Amino acid sequence: MKRSNFPAWVYYLFLLNSLEHYLTSLKIAFIPLVPRFFYPEKTYLEGLLILFTIYPIGIMAKPLGGLFFQLVEKRAKLVTLLRISYFGTGFFSIVLGIIPLMFPDYFTSTLIICRFFKSFFSASEVIGVSVLLKQNLDQNLSLKATNLIGTSSMLGIWSSFVLSSIVHLFDLGKVGFALAHLVGCFLLLNAYMLPPLPSLMAKDEKTNNQSGIFDFCFILLFAGFSAFCYSCAFIVVPTCFTDKIFYPINGMMITLDLFLVWYFGKKAIRWGTHRTLFFALLIGLVSPLLIYQTNSIVLMGFFVLLGTLFSAPLYSYLLENISLKTRVSFLSWGYLIGSQVFGTLTPIASFWIEKWCGMGTSIFWTTSFFCLVLLFFMARREQQQKTQLGVEVS
C-alpha cells in the first residue's frame, strides 16, 4: 500500500488541531468535577444545571465567529485566520485557568466570558483547515489529510478526558483545573510559530445554490445527530443511568472512539460518504432494542459507535462539496450550528425529560426517530443528484 506523503504543514496543523480540541473539550471532561470544585454549597444537580445554563452560550458564539472569519477571510491571509483562531482559544483558556484559582468568587462570570470567546475563536478551525486542505492537495490526498486532522481532533478530546481523570484520581481540585487550562500556553506559542502556508489556488468551480442549501441542511442534521450521540455517551449516560462517575470507562470509550474515527474515516474514503452514513443509520434504527439495557458500558459504547459513524464521513463530505465561491463558510456553518445546538441542548433536555418518562425510553426512541428522518433525507438527496446528473447529460 502506497504511503501518503503529506507536506510538513499538515503535521503542524495536526498538532495545533489536537491542542485546540483538547482545550475546547475540557468543558465536557470537567463537567462532573466543576460542581464539587466551585459550587460546594450547592447540590450536585444544582451545580450541573448552572453549567448547562452557561454552556449554550457557545451555540451563538460559533456561528458569529464563522461570520467574523468569513469577513476577515476576504482581507487577510489564511495563516492569519488560523493564527487568530489559535491565539484566541489559547488566551481565554489561560484566563479560565488563572482567574478562578485566584478569585473563586468570579468563576461563573469568567466561565461565561471564556465560554463565549473560546467558541467564537475556534470557529475558524473548521473553515480554515478545510479550505487549506481542499485547495492545496489533490482529491485523494486531501481526503486522507482531512481524516488525519479529524483523528487529531479526537486525540485532543481523548487527552482532556485523561487529564480530568488524573485530576479526579489524585484529588488535585482547583489546581488541577487551572493546570489543565494553562496548556493553552502551548497553543499560543505554536500559533506564533505557525509556518508559512501555501496560498489558496483559485479554481473555477460552479456552485448550485439549491444544492448548496440542501448540503447545508444535510451537514446540519448529521453533525447535530453526531453531537447528540456523543452527548448521550459522555454526559447523559454517566450522570443519569448510574450514580458513579466512570473516569476509567470514559477514557476507554474515548480511546475506542479515536480508533473508530480513523478507521471509519478511511472507510468513508473507500466506501463513499453516503454508503458509510447509510450503515450508521441502519445501526441507529436498532436502538429501541436497548431501551431496557441498564449497563452503562454497553450504552456508552453504542452511542460512541453511532457518533463516530456519523462524524467520520462529515469531514470528507464537507471537503468534497465546498468551493471557492461558497468559501466553505456556508457549509461549515451547518456543521457548527448543528454540533453546538444538539450537543449542548441534549444534556439539558435529558434532565427535564427524565421527570416525565424514563431516560432510556426518551433517548432511544429519539435516536430511532432521527434515523428515520435522516434516511428519508438521504433518499431525497440521491434522487436530486440523479435528476441533476440527467439534466447535465442531456
Protein backbone atom coordinates (compact mmCIF):
# COMPACT_ATOMS: atom_id res chain seq x y z
CA MET A 1 0.00 0.00 0.00
CA LYS A 2 1.42 3.35 -1.01
CA ARG A 3 2.27 5.59 1.90
CA SER A 4 0.79 9.09 1.94
CA ASN A 5 3.43 11.83 1.84
CA PHE A 6 1.88 14.90 3.42
CA PRO A 7 3.56 18.32 3.38
CA ALA A 8 5.14 19.36 6.68
CA TRP A 9 2.43 21.94 7.38
CA VAL A 10 -0.22 19.19 7.51
CA TYR A 11 1.53 17.60 10.52
CA TYR A 12 1.86 21.00 12.16
CA LEU A 13 -1.87 21.51 11.76
CA PHE A 14 -2.32 18.06 13.32
CA LEU A 15 -0.51 19.29 16.46
CA LEU A 16 -2.38 22.60 16.66
CA ASN A 17 -5.73 20.97 16.00
CA SER A 18 -5.10 18.46 18.79
CA LEU A 19 -4.26 21.25 21.24
CA GLU A 20 -7.30 23.31 20.25
CA HIS A 21 -9.74 20.40 20.58
CA TYR A 22 -8.14 19.46 23.90
CA LEU A 23 -8.86 22.95 25.24
CA THR A 24 -12.37 23.23 23.81
CA SER A 25 -13.40 19.78 25.12
CA LEU A 26 -12.24 20.43 28.69
CA LYS A 27 -15.69 21.88 29.37
CA ILE A 28 -17.17 18.41 28.85
CA ALA A 29 -14.39 16.46 30.55
CA PHE A 30 -14.66 18.54 33.74
CA ILE A 31 -18.47 18.63 33.94
CA PRO A 32 -18.64 16.03 36.77
CA LEU A 33 -15.89 17.84 38.75
CA VAL A 34 -16.73 21.54 38.42
CA PRO A 35 -19.79 21.49 40.77
CA ARG A 36 -17.63 19.97 43.52
CA PHE A 37 -14.75 22.42 42.94
CA PHE A 38 -16.61 25.71 42.51
CA TYR A 39 -20.17 25.18 43.83
CA PRO A 40 -19.62 23.23 47.07
CA GLU A 41 -22.54 24.99 48.78
CA LYS A 42 -24.98 23.65 46.17
CA THR A 43 -26.16 20.13 45.45
CA TYR A 44 -24.52 18.22 42.61
CA LEU A 45 -27.62 18.53 40.40
CA GLU A 46 -27.88 22.28 41.04
CA GLY A 47 -24.24 22.68 40.01
CA LEU A 48 -24.86 20.74 36.81
CA LEU A 49 -27.88 22.88 35.94
CA ILE A 50 -25.76 26.04 36.35
CA LEU A 51 -23.20 24.64 33.91
CA PHE A 52 -25.84 23.55 31.42
CA THR A 53 -27.31 27.05 31.56
CA ILE A 54 -23.94 28.63 30.75
CA TYR A 55 -22.75 26.26 28.02
CA PRO A 56 -25.47 27.13 25.44
CA ILE A 57 -23.68 30.47 25.04
CA GLY A 58 -21.46 28.65 22.56
CA ILE A 59 -24.49 27.97 20.34
CA MET A 60 -24.45 31.57 19.13
CA ALA A 61 -20.72 32.18 19.60
CA LYS A 62 -19.50 29.75 16.94
CA PRO A 63 -21.81 30.91 14.12
CA LEU A 64 -20.90 34.51 14.99
CA GLY A 65 -17.25 33.50 14.85
CA GLY A 66 -17.87 31.89 11.48
CA LEU A 67 -19.39 35.15 10.20
CA PHE A 68 -16.45 37.16 11.55
CA PHE A 69 -13.85 34.93 9.94
CA GLN A 70 -15.76 34.94 6.65
CA LEU A 71 -15.49 38.75 6.59
CA VAL A 72 -11.83 38.73 7.63
CA GLU A 73 -11.09 35.99 5.09
CA LYS A 74 -11.57 38.47 2.24
CA ARG A 75 -8.87 40.78 3.60
CA ALA A 76 -6.38 38.51 5.36
CA LYS A 77 -4.25 35.50 4.54
CA LEU A 78 -5.36 32.07 5.68
CA VAL A 79 -2.41 31.76 8.05
CA THR A 80 -3.62 34.96 9.75
CA LEU A 81 -7.08 33.46 10.29
CA LEU A 82 -5.66 30.31 11.85
CA ARG A 83 -3.23 32.30 14.00
CA ILE A 84 -6.09 34.47 15.31
CA SER A 85 -8.16 31.35 16.00
CA TYR A 86 -5.43 29.50 17.89
CA PHE A 87 -4.32 32.62 19.77
CA GLY A 88 -7.85 33.45 20.92
CA THR A 89 -8.62 29.90 22.05
CA GLY A 90 -5.32 29.64 23.93
CA PHE A 91 -5.60 33.06 25.58
CA PHE A 92 -9.08 32.55 27.02
CA SER A 93 -8.12 29.05 28.19
CA ILE A 94 -5.29 30.61 30.21
CA VAL A 95 -7.69 33.20 31.64
CA LEU A 96 -10.14 30.44 32.61
CA GLY A 97 -7.30 28.62 34.38
CA ILE A 98 -5.90 31.59 36.32
CA ILE A 99 -8.88 33.75 37.39
CA PRO A 100 -10.95 31.05 39.20
CA LEU A 101 -7.84 29.90 41.07
CA MET A 102 -7.01 33.41 42.29
CA PHE A 103 -10.57 34.78 42.56
CA PRO A 104 -13.01 31.85 43.10
CA ASP A 105 -15.97 34.21 43.55
CA TYR A 106 -15.65 35.27 39.90
CA PHE A 107 -15.71 31.74 38.50
CA THR A 108 -19.21 31.92 36.97
CA SER A 109 -18.68 35.27 35.22
CA THR A 110 -15.24 34.16 34.00
CA LEU A 111 -16.71 30.91 32.68
CA ILE A 112 -19.43 32.79 30.75
CA ILE A 113 -16.93 35.16 29.09
CA CYS A 114 -14.37 32.47 28.29
CA ARG A 115 -17.00 30.03 27.04
CA PHE A 116 -18.24 32.63 24.57
CA PHE A 117 -14.84 33.70 23.23
CA LYS A 118 -13.34 30.20 23.08
CA SER A 119 -16.27 29.10 20.93
CA PHE A 120 -16.04 32.30 18.89
CA PHE A 121 -12.36 31.93 18.04
CA SER A 122 -12.46 28.18 17.46
CA ALA A 123 -14.99 28.68 14.62
CA SER A 124 -12.30 29.29 12.00
CA GLU A 125 -10.68 25.90 12.64
CA VAL A 126 -13.30 24.05 10.58
CA ILE A 127 -13.41 26.79 7.96
CA GLY A 128 -9.68 27.49 7.62
CA VAL A 129 -8.33 23.95 7.73
CA SER A 130 -10.95 22.61 5.32
CA VAL A 131 -10.21 25.31 2.74
CA LEU A 132 -6.47 24.80 3.12
CA LEU A 133 -6.64 21.06 2.51
CA LYS A 134 -9.18 21.38 -0.29
CA GLN A 135 -7.22 23.93 -2.29
CA ASN A 136 -3.64 22.72 -1.85
CA LEU A 137 -3.81 18.92 -2.06
CA ASP A 138 -5.16 16.62 -4.72
CA GLN A 139 -8.54 14.99 -4.10
CA ASN A 140 -7.29 11.65 -2.74
CA LEU A 141 -4.55 13.16 -0.58
CA SER A 142 -6.85 15.90 0.74
CA LEU A 143 -9.38 13.28 1.90
CA LYS A 144 -6.62 11.36 3.71
CA ALA A 145 -5.28 14.56 5.25
CA THR A 146 -8.78 15.50 6.36
CA ASN A 147 -9.11 12.12 8.03
CA LEU A 148 -5.77 12.74 9.75
CA ILE A 149 -6.93 16.13 11.02
CA GLY A 150 -10.23 14.61 12.18
CA THR A 151 -8.26 11.99 14.11
CA SER A 152 -6.20 14.75 15.73
CA SER A 153 -9.46 16.27 16.98
CA MET A 154 -10.33 13.03 18.78
CA LEU A 155 -6.77 12.80 20.13
CA GLY A 156 -7.22 16.21 21.73
CA ILE A 157 -10.59 15.21 23.20
CA TRP A 158 -9.07 11.95 24.49
CA SER A 159 -6.29 13.94 26.20
CA SER A 160 -8.79 16.17 28.00
CA PHE A 161 -10.64 13.17 29.45
CA VAL A 162 -7.39 11.50 30.50
CA LEU A 163 -6.28 14.67 32.31
CA SER A 164 -9.64 15.10 34.03
CA SER A 165 -9.34 11.50 35.22
CA ILE A 166 -5.90 12.26 36.69
CA VAL A 167 -7.28 15.36 38.43
CA HIS A 168 -10.05 13.22 39.94
CA LEU A 169 -7.89 10.26 40.96
CA PHE A 170 -5.21 12.40 42.66
CA ASP A 171 -7.76 14.88 44.06
CA LEU A 172 -5.97 17.91 42.57
CA GLY A 173 -9.08 20.08 42.83
CA LYS A 174 -8.93 23.67 41.58
CA VAL A 175 -5.19 23.44 40.99
CA GLY A 176 -5.73 20.57 38.56
CA PHE A 177 -8.47 22.54 36.81
CA ALA A 178 -6.09 25.51 36.42
CA LEU A 179 -3.17 23.39 35.17
CA ALA A 180 -5.41 21.69 32.61
CA HIS A 181 -6.36 25.04 31.08
CA LEU A 182 -2.85 26.52 31.25
CA VAL A 183 -1.91 24.11 28.46
CA GLY A 184 -3.27 26.95 26.34
CA CYS A 185 0.22 28.49 26.64
CA PHE A 186 1.49 25.86 24.18
CA LEU A 187 -1.24 26.77 21.71
CA LEU A 188 -0.34 30.46 21.99
CA LEU A 189 3.34 29.73 21.39
CA ASN A 190 2.68 27.46 18.42
CA ALA A 191 0.22 29.93 16.92
CA TYR A 192 3.05 32.44 16.57
CA MET A 193 5.37 29.74 15.19
CA LEU A 194 2.88 28.63 12.53
CA PRO A 195 4.97 28.07 9.37
CA PRO A 196 4.17 29.79 6.07
CA LEU A 197 1.16 28.11 4.50
CA PRO A 198 0.53 27.86 0.76
CA SER A 199 -1.71 30.46 -0.82
CA LEU A 200 -5.14 29.42 -1.99
CA MET A 201 -5.23 28.32 -5.59
CA ALA A 202 -8.12 29.86 -7.50
CA LYS A 203 -10.34 27.31 -9.16
CA ASP A 204 -13.25 27.89 -11.47
CA GLU A 205 -15.98 25.90 -9.80
CA LYS A 206 -19.69 26.04 -10.42
CA THR A 207 -21.92 26.37 -7.42
CA ASN A 208 -25.51 25.20 -7.46
CA ASN A 209 -27.42 27.33 -4.93
CA GLN A 210 -30.19 24.76 -4.49
CA SER A 211 -27.65 22.01 -3.96
CA GLY A 212 -25.74 24.27 -1.55
CA ILE A 213 -28.80 24.81 0.64
CA PHE A 214 -29.55 21.09 0.58
CA ASP A 215 -25.94 20.30 1.56
CA PHE A 216 -26.16 22.86 4.36
CA CYS A 217 -29.22 21.09 5.81
CA PHE A 218 -27.58 17.71 5.24
CA ILE A 219 -24.48 18.66 7.23
CA LEU A 220 -26.50 20.42 9.95
CA LEU A 221 -28.64 17.32 10.57
CA PHE A 222 -25.81 14.81 10.56
CA ALA A 223 -23.42 16.95 12.61
CA GLY A 224 -26.23 17.61 15.07
CA PHE A 225 -27.11 13.96 15.40
CA SER A 226 -23.45 13.05 15.87
CA ALA A 227 -23.23 15.63 18.68
CA PHE A 228 -26.44 14.19 20.16
CA CYS A 229 -24.87 10.71 20.26
CA TYR A 230 -21.65 11.94 21.86
CA SER A 231 -23.60 13.91 24.48
CA CYS A 232 -25.57 10.78 25.32
CA ALA A 233 -22.33 8.77 25.59
CA PHE A 234 -20.27 11.09 27.77
CA ILE A 235 -22.81 13.20 29.68
CA VAL A 236 -26.32 11.72 29.76
CA VAL A 237 -25.46 8.05 30.32
CA PRO A 238 -22.84 8.51 33.10
CA THR A 239 -24.93 11.06 35.04
CA CYS A 240 -28.42 9.60 34.54
CA PHE A 241 -28.07 5.83 34.37
CA THR A 242 -25.68 5.39 37.28
CA ASP A 243 -24.64 7.10 40.49
CA LYS A 244 -20.94 6.70 39.73
CA ILE A 245 -18.54 8.75 37.62
CA PHE A 246 -16.82 6.35 35.24
CA TYR A 247 -13.49 8.08 34.63
CA PRO A 248 -11.59 4.95 33.52
CA ILE A 249 -14.53 3.96 31.30
CA ASN A 250 -14.69 7.45 29.79
CA GLY A 251 -11.00 7.17 28.91
CA MET A 252 -11.55 3.72 27.43
CA MET A 253 -14.50 4.92 25.33
CA ILE A 254 -12.60 7.95 24.03
CA THR A 255 -9.69 5.66 23.11
CA LEU A 256 -12.12 3.42 21.22
CA ASP A 257 -13.59 6.48 19.52
CA LEU A 258 -10.11 7.66 18.48
CA PHE A 259 -9.52 4.34 16.71
CA LEU A 260 -13.01 4.25 15.16
CA VAL A 261 -12.77 7.80 13.77
CA TRP A 262 -9.55 6.89 11.97
CA TYR A 263 -10.90 3.53 10.77
CA PHE A 264 -14.27 4.74 9.52
CA GLY A 265 -12.69 7.91 8.14
CA LYS A 266 -10.63 5.68 5.85
CA LYS A 267 -13.68 3.55 5.07
CA ALA A 268 -15.63 6.67 4.12
CA ILE A 269 -12.95 7.43 1.53
CA ARG A 270 -13.25 3.91 0.10
CA TRP A 271 -16.99 3.34 0.52
CA GLY A 272 -18.10 6.88 -0.15
CA THR A 273 -19.83 9.21 2.28
CA HIS A 274 -23.38 8.06 1.54
CA ARG A 275 -22.69 4.36 1.97
CA THR A 276 -20.97 4.99 5.31
CA LEU A 277 -23.86 7.13 6.56
CA PHE A 278 -26.42 4.54 5.44
CA PHE A 279 -24.52 1.98 7.50
CA ALA A 280 -24.69 4.31 10.52
CA LEU A 281 -28.43 4.85 10.08
CA LEU A 282 -29.13 1.11 9.95
CA ILE A 283 -27.32 0.68 13.26
CA GLY A 284 -29.23 3.61 14.73
CA LEU A 285 -32.57 2.05 13.83
CA VAL A 286 -31.94 -0.89 16.20
CA SER A 287 -31.54 1.49 19.17
CA PRO A 288 -35.07 0.83 20.59
CA LEU A 289 -33.91 -2.74 21.32
CA LEU A 290 -31.64 -1.25 24.02
CA ILE A 291 -34.42 0.53 25.92
CA TYR A 292 -34.21 -1.83 28.90
CA GLN A 293 -30.42 -2.04 28.85
CA THR A 294 -29.04 -0.55 32.10
CA ASN A 295 -25.36 -1.41 31.69
CA SER A 296 -23.60 1.95 31.30
CA ILE A 297 -20.61 0.49 29.46
CA VAL A 298 -22.85 -1.06 26.78
CA LEU A 299 -24.86 2.14 26.37
CA MET A 300 -21.80 4.37 26.17
CA GLY A 301 -20.17 2.03 23.65
CA PHE A 302 -23.30 2.04 21.48
CA PHE A 303 -23.51 5.84 21.34
CA VAL A 304 -19.76 6.21 20.78
CA LEU A 305 -20.01 3.86 17.79
CA LEU A 306 -23.05 5.70 16.44
CA GLY A 307 -21.50 9.14 16.96
CA THR A 308 -18.30 8.02 15.22
CA LEU A 309 -20.14 6.64 12.20
CA PHE A 310 -21.94 9.95 11.74
CA SER A 311 -18.96 12.25 12.37
CA ALA A 312 -16.17 10.41 10.50
CA PRO A 313 -17.61 10.91 6.96
CA LEU A 314 -18.67 14.51 7.53
CA TYR A 315 -15.20 15.99 7.13
CA SER A 316 -14.85 14.18 3.83
CA TYR A 317 -18.33 15.25 2.76
CA LEU A 318 -17.61 18.87 3.65
CA LEU A 319 -14.35 18.70 1.71
CA GLU A 320 -15.98 17.19 -1.38
CA ASN A 321 -18.73 19.81 -1.59
CA ILE A 322 -17.01 23.12 -0.84
CA SER A 323 -15.87 25.56 -3.50
CA LEU A 324 -14.12 28.90 -3.54
CA LYS A 325 -17.41 30.59 -4.41
CA THR A 326 -19.09 29.33 -1.25
CA ARG A 327 -15.84 29.94 0.69
CA VAL A 328 -16.74 26.91 2.84
CA SER A 329 -18.39 29.18 5.43
CA PHE A 330 -21.88 28.39 4.17
CA LEU A 331 -21.48 24.63 4.62
CA SER A 332 -19.30 24.81 7.72
CA TRP A 333 -21.95 26.89 9.47
CA GLY A 334 -24.20 23.88 9.17
CA TYR A 335 -21.54 21.83 10.96
CA LEU A 336 -21.01 24.47 13.66
CA ILE A 337 -24.68 25.17 14.33
CA GLY A 338 -25.72 21.51 14.24
CA SER A 339 -22.98 20.32 16.58
CA GLN A 340 -23.44 23.22 19.01
CA VAL A 341 -27.24 23.14 19.23
CA PHE A 342 -27.67 19.38 19.56
CA GLY A 343 -24.51 18.79 21.59
CA THR A 344 -25.36 21.47 24.13
CA LEU A 345 -29.12 21.05 24.41
CA THR A 346 -29.13 17.24 24.64
CA PRO A 347 -27.90 17.01 28.26
CA ILE A 348 -30.14 19.90 29.32
CA ALA A 349 -33.23 18.33 27.76
CA SER A 350 -32.37 14.91 29.18
CA PHE A 351 -32.61 16.11 32.77
CA TRP A 352 -36.06 17.58 32.14
CA ILE A 353 -37.32 14.63 30.10
CA GLU A 354 -36.39 12.29 32.92
CA LYS A 355 -39.16 13.86 35.02
CA TRP A 356 -41.91 12.71 32.63
CA CYS A 357 -40.62 9.43 31.25
CA GLY A 358 -37.71 7.06 31.65
CA MET A 359 -34.40 8.23 30.27
CA GLY A 360 -33.93 5.06 28.24
CA THR A 361 -37.31 5.41 26.55
CA SER A 362 -36.71 9.03 25.60
CA ILE A 363 -33.19 8.86 24.15
CA PHE A 364 -33.61 5.56 22.29
CA TRP A 365 -36.88 6.46 20.60
CA THR A 366 -35.41 9.88 19.78
CA THR A 367 -32.45 8.10 18.17
CA SER A 368 -34.76 5.91 16.11
CA PHE A 369 -36.86 8.89 15.00
CA PHE A 370 -33.77 10.84 13.92
CA CYS A 371 -32.50 7.88 11.91
CA LEU A 372 -35.80 7.54 10.03
CA VAL A 373 -35.84 11.27 9.22
CA LEU A 374 -32.23 11.18 8.02
CA LEU A 375 -32.86 8.08 5.90
CA PHE A 376 -35.68 9.92 4.15
CA PHE A 377 -33.43 12.96 3.76
CA MET A 378 -30.64 10.91 2.16
CA ALA A 379 -33.06 9.18 -0.21
CA ARG A 380 -34.34 12.57 -1.38
CA ARG A 381 -30.79 13.80 -1.86
CA GLU A 382 -29.81 10.84 -4.02
CA GLN A 383 -32.92 11.38 -6.14
CA GLN A 384 -31.96 15.04 -6.53
CA GLN A 385 -28.41 14.13 -7.59
CA LYS A 386 -29.70 11.69 -10.23
CA THR A 387 -32.04 14.37 -11.58
CA GLN A 388 -29.21 16.90 -11.80
CA LEU A 389 -26.97 14.33 -13.49
CA GLY A 390 -29.68 13.61 -16.07
CA VAL A 391 -30.06 17.34 -16.81
CA GLU A 392 -26.29 17.76 -17.28
CA VAL A 393 -26.10 14.74 -19.63
CA SER A 394 -28.99 15.98 -21.76
